[in-house]
Amino acid sequence: DADKAASIARDVADAAAREARALAKLELRLAAGKGGARATSSSDASAPATNDDVVARRRKHSVELTSRGKFVVTSRAAYARLRALYREHAPPCDGPAISEDSEEDDEGDDRDRFSSLAEKAFHRRLFALLLRYKSIHGYGFQASVGEEVFRALGAKLGVAHECFASPMNAHYGAFNGAFLDVDAPFGSAGDFFAVADRGGFRRGAYEANPPFVSGVMDAMVDAMELALTRADADAQPLTFAVFVPGWSDEPCWAKARPTSRRFPYDRVGVVNADP
């Protein structure tokens, strides 16, 4: 009911406010030079491969991939996570499954360790994924949702799927991504709008944190309205927890006014100044 929706929205908003405060503190530390991060450059990259294979090299805190003069890098933690996603979702055409990753702190040329067909297939997929997102400079128009918020959504609403994510930042194992060709081997269900057009959102609870682009947010509201209408006709429970900027002059905000919705709805604003 409306009271329950309002209570859940407040709980999620409180979690978001705590995340905002933590990010603000991190920003201040980084500005003061206390972040402890050290930039790396492609000049440290190993020599490019002489064929189509991707060469992987472990550093103390990162894994570097090179092929045909192109270079990408990811953290050891992200590498292990993407490897686990690939183990679960790799297409059969890629061949045998890869082994679990070792957390050893060794460094250097891993040509021998990564010489199996399974490892080569994984690194080709990983290289293509990282290079695609590097080429678009990642998600520059989308704010992240923190771990505490995701936990609150899971506990309060049963959310277990993200409508706008990538293999690198997805919190749940189920998500929609922008690039099915490179995202699918790591678990993506495909583009949100394509899945919505097929009637893929029939029941359940979903988190949506779209790119902060007017047309995208506007189209998202329309797609969700259609999905909710279909679910209502089939007497199926369906919930969307949506995170968008407080741009009240945007069309998506006008469409999402409580008076224009015929479904249970609540909206809570979170700003950096929240205590």
Protein backbone atom coordinates (compact mmCIF):
# COMPACT_ATOMS: atom_id res chain seq x y z
CA ASP A 1 0.00 0.00 0.00
CA ALA A 2 1.00 3.67 -0.10
CA ASP A 3 2.25 3.78 3.52
CA LYS A 4 4.45 0.74 2.99
CA ALA A 5 5.82 2.17 -0.26
CA ALA A 6 6.63 5.43 1.50
CA SER A 7 8.39 3.58 4.35
CA ILE A 8 10.49 1.55 1.92
CA ALA A 9 11.35 4.66 -0.08
CA ARG A 10 12.50 6.42 3.10
CA ASP A 11 14.69 3.46 4.08
CA VAL A 12 16.32 3.40 0.64
CA ALA A 13 16.72 7.18 0.72
CA ASP A 14 18.46 6.95 4.11
CA ALA A 15 20.86 4.37 2.69
CA ALA A 16 21.51 6.59 -0.34
CA ALA A 17 22.20 9.57 1.91
CA ARG A 18 24.77 7.55 3.88
CA GLU A 19 26.42 6.53 0.62
CA ALA A 20 26.50 10.19 -0.48
CA ARG A 21 28.23 11.21 2.74
CA ALA A 22 30.81 8.43 2.35
CA LEU A 23 31.52 9.49 -1.24
CA ALA A 24 31.86 13.12 -0.17
CA LYS A 25 34.48 12.12 2.42
CA LEU A 26 36.36 10.07 -0.18
CA GLU A 27 36.30 13.02 -2.57
CA LEU A 28 37.82 15.27 0.11
CA ARG A 29 40.56 12.71 0.85
CA LEU A 30 41.44 12.41 -2.82
CA ALA A 31 41.49 16.19 -3.21
CA ALA A 32 43.92 16.36 -0.27
CA GLY A 33 46.16 13.72 -1.83
CA LYS A 34 45.31 11.04 0.74
CA GLY A 35 43.54 8.60 -1.53
CA GLY A 36 46.52 6.30 -1.81
CA ALA A 37 45.84 5.66 -5.49
CA ARG A 38 48.67 5.59 -8.00
CA ALA A 39 47.99 6.23 -11.65
CA THR A 40 49.33 3.81 -14.23
CA SER A 41 49.99 4.48 -17.86
CA SER A 42 50.07 2.39 -20.98
CA SER A 43 53.81 3.01 -21.20
CA ASP A 44 54.20 0.26 -18.59
CA ALA A 45 52.33 -2.21 -20.78
CA SER A 46 54.06 -5.29 -22.09
CA ALA A 47 54.92 -5.67 -25.74
CA PRO A 48 51.87 -6.22 -27.94
CA ALA A 49 51.04 -9.68 -29.14
CA THR A 50 52.39 -10.71 -32.50
CA ASN A 51 49.18 -12.54 -33.45
CA ASP A 52 45.48 -12.41 -32.64
CA ASP A 53 45.95 -13.79 -29.12
CA VAL A 54 45.49 -11.53 -26.14
CA VAL A 55 48.47 -11.44 -23.80
CA ALA A 56 47.58 -11.20 -20.11
CA ARG A 57 50.02 -10.08 -17.45
CA ARG A 58 49.41 -9.81 -13.74
CA ARG A 59 50.69 -6.91 -11.72
CA LYS A 60 50.48 -6.60 -7.97
CA HIS A 61 47.12 -4.84 -8.05
CA SER A 62 46.01 -5.17 -11.67
CA VAL A 63 45.83 -7.36 -14.75
CA GLU A 64 46.93 -5.94 -18.11
CA LEU A 65 45.70 -7.22 -21.47
CA THR A 66 47.33 -6.35 -24.79
CA SER A 67 46.66 -7.29 -28.40
CA ARG A 68 47.71 -5.68 -31.68
CA GLY A 69 49.08 -2.66 -29.89
CA LYS A 70 45.91 -2.04 -27.87
CA PHE A 71 46.06 -1.98 -24.09
CA VAL A 72 43.45 -2.32 -21.35
CA VAL A 73 43.82 -2.82 -17.63
CA THR A 74 41.56 -3.83 -14.76
CA SER A 75 42.07 -4.39 -11.06
CA ARG A 76 42.80 -7.85 -9.69
CA ALA A 77 39.49 -7.76 -7.80
CA ALA A 78 37.53 -6.82 -10.93
CA TYR A 79 39.39 -9.44 -12.94
CA ALA A 80 38.42 -12.16 -10.46
CA ARG A 81 34.80 -11.04 -10.50
CA LEU A 82 34.60 -10.93 -14.30
CA ARG A 83 36.28 -14.31 -14.47
CA ALA A 84 33.62 -15.75 -12.13
CA LEU A 85 30.84 -14.21 -14.26
CA TYR A 86 32.38 -15.68 -17.40
CA ARG A 87 32.66 -19.12 -15.79
CA GLU A 88 28.91 -18.99 -15.17
CA HIS A 89 27.76 -17.48 -18.47
CA ALA A 90 30.33 -18.37 -21.14
CA PRO A 91 28.69 -19.52 -24.39
CA PRO A 92 29.22 -23.19 -25.33
CA CYS A 93 31.09 -22.16 -28.49
CA ASP A 94 33.95 -20.89 -26.31
CA GLY A 95 34.87 -24.46 -25.38
CA PRO A 96 35.83 -25.94 -21.99
CA ALA A 97 35.19 -23.99 -18.83
CA ILE A 98 38.05 -22.04 -17.30
CA SER A 99 39.38 -22.86 -13.86
CA GLU A 100 38.82 -20.75 -10.78
CA ASP A 101 41.20 -17.82 -10.48
CA SER A 102 44.16 -17.90 -8.13
CA GLU A 103 44.60 -15.00 -5.73
CA GLU A 104 48.38 -15.30 -5.62
CA ASP A 105 50.27 -11.99 -5.64
CA ASP A 106 52.69 -13.06 -8.35
CA GLU A 107 53.52 -10.73 -11.22
CA GLY A 108 54.88 -10.98 -14.73
CA ASP A 109 54.28 -12.72 -18.03
CA ASP A 110 51.54 -15.34 -17.73
CA ARG A 111 51.76 -16.75 -21.25
CA ASP A 112 52.27 -20.31 -19.96
CA ARG A 113 49.57 -20.17 -17.30
CA PHE A 114 47.06 -18.65 -19.71
CA SER A 115 47.98 -20.79 -22.70
CA SER A 116 44.99 -23.15 -22.63
CA LEU A 117 42.18 -22.70 -25.14
CA ALA A 118 39.76 -21.89 -22.32
CA GLU A 119 42.00 -19.13 -20.96
CA LYS A 120 42.55 -17.67 -24.42
CA ALA A 121 38.80 -17.62 -25.06
CA PHE A 122 38.18 -15.85 -21.76
CA HIS A 123 40.85 -13.23 -22.37
CA ARG A 124 39.56 -12.51 -25.87
CA ARG A 125 36.09 -11.93 -24.41
CA LEU A 126 37.48 -9.84 -21.55
CA PHE A 127 39.69 -7.78 -23.86
CA ALA A 128 36.74 -7.02 -26.16
CA LEU A 129 34.59 -6.04 -23.18
CA LEU A 130 37.14 -3.71 -21.60
CA LEU A 131 38.15 -2.16 -24.91
CA ARG A 132 34.49 -1.42 -25.79
CA TYR A 133 33.88 0.44 -22.55
CA LYS A 134 37.26 2.15 -22.72
CA SER A 135 36.32 3.46 -26.17
CA ILE A 136 33.22 5.21 -24.78
CA HIS A 137 35.01 6.33 -21.61
CA GLY A 138 32.72 4.28 -19.40
CA TYR A 139 29.45 5.62 -18.02
CA GLY A 140 30.07 9.34 -17.81
CA PHE A 141 26.44 10.36 -17.32
CA GLN A 142 25.29 7.96 -14.64
CA ALA A 143 25.74 8.08 -10.87
CA SER A 144 26.54 4.87 -9.05
CA VAL A 145 24.34 3.29 -6.41
CA GLY A 146 26.26 2.06 -3.38
CA GLU A 147 26.39 -1.34 -1.73
CA GLU A 148 24.25 -0.26 1.21
CA VAL A 149 21.49 0.91 -1.11
CA PHE A 150 21.57 -2.38 -3.01
CA ARG A 151 21.33 -4.29 0.26
CA ALA A 152 18.34 -2.18 1.31
CA LEU A 153 16.62 -2.79 -2.03
CA GLY A 154 17.20 -6.51 -1.76
CA ALA A 155 15.98 -6.70 1.83
CA LYS A 156 12.97 -4.39 1.47
CA LEU A 157 11.78 -5.10 -2.07
CA GLY A 158 13.47 -8.34 -3.10
CA VAL A 159 15.34 -6.60 -5.93
CA ALA A 160 17.72 -8.96 -7.72
CA HIS A 161 18.08 -7.44 -11.21
CA GLU A 162 19.52 -4.17 -12.57
CA CYS A 163 17.99 -2.60 -15.66
CA PHE A 164 21.02 -0.45 -16.58
CA ALA A 165 24.43 -1.89 -15.73
CA SER A 166 27.55 -3.45 -17.18
CA PRO A 167 29.58 -6.53 -16.23
CA MET A 168 32.05 -4.20 -14.51
CA ASN A 169 29.58 -2.48 -12.18
CA ALA A 170 26.63 -4.88 -11.87
CA HIS A 171 25.84 -5.70 -8.25
CA TYR A 172 23.47 -8.56 -8.93
CA GLY A 173 24.14 -11.55 -11.17
CA ALA A 174 21.21 -10.55 -13.36
CA PHE A 175 21.31 -7.28 -15.31
CA ASN A 176 20.64 -5.51 -18.59
CA GLY A 177 23.61 -4.02 -20.44
CA ALA A 178 24.08 -1.72 -23.40
CA PHE A 179 26.20 -4.03 -25.57
CA LEU A 180 24.87 -7.57 -25.84
CA ASP A 181 27.73 -8.72 -28.09
CA VAL A 182 30.40 -8.14 -25.44
CA ASP A 183 28.24 -8.18 -22.28
CA ALA A 184 26.39 -11.48 -22.81
CA PRO A 185 29.34 -13.79 -22.00
CA PHE A 186 29.41 -12.12 -18.58
CA GLY A 187 25.70 -12.47 -17.81
CA SER A 188 23.87 -9.59 -19.49
CA ALA A 189 20.26 -10.23 -20.47
CA GLY A 190 20.52 -7.60 -23.22
CA ASP A 191 19.44 -4.01 -23.67
CA PHE A 192 16.71 -2.88 -21.27
CA PHE A 193 14.51 -1.46 -24.01
CA ALA A 194 14.82 -4.55 -26.23
CA VAL A 195 13.87 -6.81 -23.32
CA ALA A 196 10.98 -4.49 -22.39
CA ASP A 197 9.71 -4.53 -25.99
CA ARG A 198 9.60 -8.33 -25.83
CA GLY A 199 7.56 -8.20 -22.62
CA GLY A 200 10.48 -9.47 -20.57
CA PHE A 201 9.54 -7.65 -17.36
CA ARG A 202 6.47 -9.58 -16.28
CA ARG A 203 6.96 -9.92 -12.52
CA GLY A 204 9.57 -9.32 -9.83
CA ALA A 205 11.49 -6.33 -8.49
CA TYR A 206 14.05 -4.36 -10.51
CA GLU A 207 16.51 -1.54 -9.88
CA ALA A 208 16.90 1.09 -12.60
CA ASN A 209 19.69 3.67 -12.61
CA PRO A 210 19.69 4.86 -16.23
CA PRO A 211 22.20 7.12 -17.96
CA PHE A 212 21.24 10.69 -17.12
CA VAL A 213 20.13 11.52 -20.65
CA SER A 214 16.69 13.07 -21.11
CA GLY A 215 15.56 10.85 -23.97
CA VAL A 216 16.73 7.68 -22.24
CA MET A 217 14.98 8.50 -18.96
CA ASP A 218 11.80 9.52 -20.77
CA ALA A 219 11.71 6.29 -22.79
CA MET A 220 12.42 4.28 -19.63
CA VAL A 221 9.31 5.67 -17.92
CA ASP A 222 7.19 4.74 -20.96
CA ALA A 223 8.64 1.20 -21.04
CA MET A 224 8.00 0.73 -17.33
CA GLU A 225 4.45 2.04 -17.65
CA LEU A 226 3.75 -0.54 -20.35
CA ALA A 227 5.37 -3.33 -18.32
CA LEU A 228 3.33 -2.40 -15.22
CA THR A 229 0.14 -2.32 -17.29
CA ARG A 230 0.83 -5.81 -18.63
CA ALA A 231 1.70 -7.14 -15.18
CA ASP A 232 -1.47 -5.61 -13.74
CA ALA A 233 -3.57 -7.26 -16.43
CA ASP A 234 -1.97 -10.61 -15.57
CA ALA A 235 -2.30 -10.01 -11.81
CA GLN A 236 1.49 -10.29 -11.42
CA PRO A 237 3.57 -8.34 -8.84
CA LEU A 238 6.05 -5.97 -10.49
CA THR A 239 8.16 -3.22 -8.92
CA PHE A 240 10.76 -0.78 -10.28
CA ALA A 241 13.06 1.15 -7.93
CA VAL A 242 14.32 4.03 -10.07
CA PHE A 243 17.23 6.41 -9.47
CA VAL A 244 17.30 9.60 -11.56
CA PRO A 245 18.71 13.10 -10.93
CA GLY A 246 16.48 15.75 -9.41
CA TRP A 247 15.91 17.54 -12.70
CA SER A 248 12.26 18.38 -12.12
CA ASP A 249 11.93 20.07 -15.50
CA GLU A 250 12.67 16.81 -17.33
CA PRO A 251 9.74 15.04 -19.09
CA CYS A 252 10.29 11.85 -17.09
CA TRP A 253 9.51 13.73 -13.87
CA ALA A 254 6.25 15.09 -15.26
CA LYS A 255 5.24 11.62 -16.39
CA ALA A 256 6.05 10.17 -12.99
CA ARG A 257 3.87 12.53 -10.98
CA PRO A 258 1.86 10.60 -8.39
CA THR A 259 -1.36 12.07 -9.77
CA SER A 260 -0.57 10.65 -13.22
CA ARG A 261 0.16 7.12 -11.98
CA ARG A 262 -2.48 4.48 -11.46
CA PHE A 263 -0.01 2.20 -9.65
CA PRO A 264 1.30 2.47 -6.05
CA TYR A 265 4.11 5.00 -6.16
CA ASP A 266 6.36 7.11 -3.98
CA ARG A 267 9.29 9.45 -4.61
CA VAL A 268 12.04 10.60 -2.25
CA GLY A 269 14.75 13.16 -2.96
CA VAL A 270 18.32 12.71 -1.68
CA VAL A 271 20.89 15.54 -1.70
CA ASN A 272 24.46 15.76 -0.48
CA ALA A 273 23.43 18.04 2.36
CA ASP A 274 21.15 15.43 3.91
CA PRO A 275 22.31 14.69 7.51
